[in-house]
């Protein structure tokens, strides 16, 4: 049986990404603070943020 998918609110994603970018939290600290199970989740959010910046769009995630 597949594990259930956890959906995080946009505000949580943005807060985690900004805290990591600013150096306020390490990836592992963000995982513990927000109950995020895998590094892959946060890395995906960071990549999405980077993509948005590079394409010249808004600086926040869309999901």
C-alpha atoms as a PDB file:
ATOM      1  CA  UNK A   1       0.000   0.000   0.000  1.00  0.00           C
ATOM      2  CA  UNK A   2       1.305   3.446  -0.952  1.00  0.00           C
ATOM      3  CA  UNK A   3       1.896   5.943   1.832  1.00  0.00           C
ATOM      4  CA  UNK A   4      -0.535   8.853   1.812  1.00  0.00           C
ATOM      5  CA  UNK A   5       0.618  12.100   0.242  1.00  0.00           C
ATOM      6  CA  UNK A   6       0.988  15.032   2.601  1.00  0.00           C
ATOM      7  CA  UNK A   7       0.054  18.401   1.108  1.00  0.00           C
ATOM      8  CA  UNK A   8       1.630  21.479   2.640  1.00  0.00           C
ATOM      9  CA  UNK A   9       0.035  24.917   2.518  1.00  0.00           C
ATOM     10  CA  UNK A  10       1.600  27.499   0.227  1.00  0.00           C
ATOM     11  CA  UNK A  11       2.534  29.646   3.240  1.00  0.00           C
ATOM     12  CA  UNK A  12       4.454  26.760   4.824  1.00  0.00           C
ATOM     13  CA  UNK A  13       6.359  26.064   1.607  1.00  0.00           C
ATOM     14  CA  UNK A  14       7.254  29.725   1.167  1.00  0.00           C
ATOM     15  CA  UNK A  15       8.301  30.072   4.799  1.00  0.00           C
ATOM     16  CA  UNK A  16      10.540  27.006   4.669  1.00  0.00           C
ATOM     17  CA  UNK A  17      12.177  28.071   1.400  1.00  0.00           C
ATOM     18  CA  UNK A  18      12.797  31.625   2.607  1.00  0.00           C
ATOM     19  CA  UNK A  19      14.191  30.460   5.963  1.00  0.00           C
ATOM     20  CA  UNK A  20      16.638  28.130   4.220  1.00  0.00           C
ATOM     21  CA  UNK A  21      17.678  30.719   1.621  1.00  0.00           C
ATOM     22  CA  UNK A  22      18.249  33.362   4.326  1.00  0.00           C
ATOM     23  CA  UNK A  23      20.229  30.884   6.403  1.00  0.00           C
ATOM     24  CA  UNK A  24      17.815  30.948   9.324  1.00  0.00           C
ATOM     25  CA  UNK A  25      17.285  27.170   9.127  1.00  0.00           C
ATOM     26  CA  UNK A  26      19.234  24.219   7.825  1.00  0.00           C
ATOM     27  CA  UNK A  27      17.331  21.727   5.716  1.00  0.00           C
ATOM     28  CA  UNK A  28      17.290  19.194   8.549  1.00  0.00           C
ATOM     29  CA  UNK A  29      16.088  21.828  11.031  1.00  0.00           C
ATOM     30  CA  UNK A  30      13.228  22.778   8.706  1.00  0.00           C
ATOM     31  CA  UNK A  31      12.273  19.112   8.389  1.00  0.00           C
ATOM     32  CA  UNK A  32      12.076  18.753  12.158  1.00  0.00           C
ATOM     33  CA  UNK A  33      10.353  22.093  12.799  1.00  0.00           C
ATOM     34  CA  UNK A  34       7.631  21.583  10.177  1.00  0.00           C
ATOM     35  CA  UNK A  35       7.307  17.792  10.341  1.00  0.00           C
ATOM     36  CA  UNK A  36       8.496  17.256   6.779  1.00  0.00           C
ATOM     37  CA  UNK A  37       9.386  13.606   6.248  1.00  0.00           C
ATOM     38  CA  UNK A  38      11.963  13.747   3.429  1.00  0.00           C
ATOM     39  CA  UNK A  39      14.674  16.083   2.181  1.00  0.00           C
ATOM     40  CA  UNK A  40      13.381  15.491  -1.327  1.00  0.00           C
ATOM     41  CA  UNK A  41      10.248  17.503  -0.538  1.00  0.00           C
ATOM     42  CA  UNK A  42      12.177  20.613   0.472  1.00  0.00           C
ATOM     43  CA  UNK A  43      14.677  20.226  -2.371  1.00  0.00           C
ATOM     44  CA  UNK A  44      11.732  20.172  -4.803  1.00  0.00           C
ATOM     45  CA  UNK A  45      10.407  23.420  -3.294  1.00  0.00           C
ATOM     46  CA  UNK A  46      13.848  25.029  -3.550  1.00  0.00           C
ATOM     47  CA  UNK A  47      14.195  23.980  -7.194  1.00  0.00           C
ATOM     48  CA  UNK A  48      10.749  25.379  -7.978  1.00  0.00           C
ATOM     49  CA  UNK A  49      11.733  28.675  -6.342  1.00  0.00           C
ATOM     50  CA  UNK A  50      14.949  28.772  -8.376  1.00  0.00           C
ATOM     51  CA  UNK A  51      12.998  28.064 -11.578  1.00  0.00           C
ATOM     52  CA  UNK A  52      10.563  30.898 -10.849  1.00  0.00           C
ATOM     53  CA  UNK A  53      13.438  33.326 -10.286  1.00  0.00           C
ATOM     54  CA  UNK A  54      15.292  32.235 -13.431  1.00  0.00           C
ATOM     55  CA  UNK A  55      12.245  32.524 -15.662  1.00  0.00           C
ATOM     56  CA  UNK A  56      11.662  36.022 -14.310  1.00  0.00           C
ATOM     57  CA  UNK A  57       8.361  35.189 -12.695  1.00  0.00           C
ATOM     58  CA  UNK A  58       7.224  35.688  -9.189  1.00  0.00           C
ATOM     59  CA  UNK A  59       9.467  34.503  -6.371  1.00  0.00           C
ATOM     60  CA  UNK A  60       6.928  32.313  -4.625  1.00  0.00           C
ATOM     61  CA  UNK A  61       5.863  28.780  -5.407  1.00  0.00           C
ATOM     62  CA  UNK A  62       2.592  28.266  -7.250  1.00  0.00           C
ATOM     63  CA  UNK A  63       1.489  25.111  -5.451  1.00  0.00           C
END
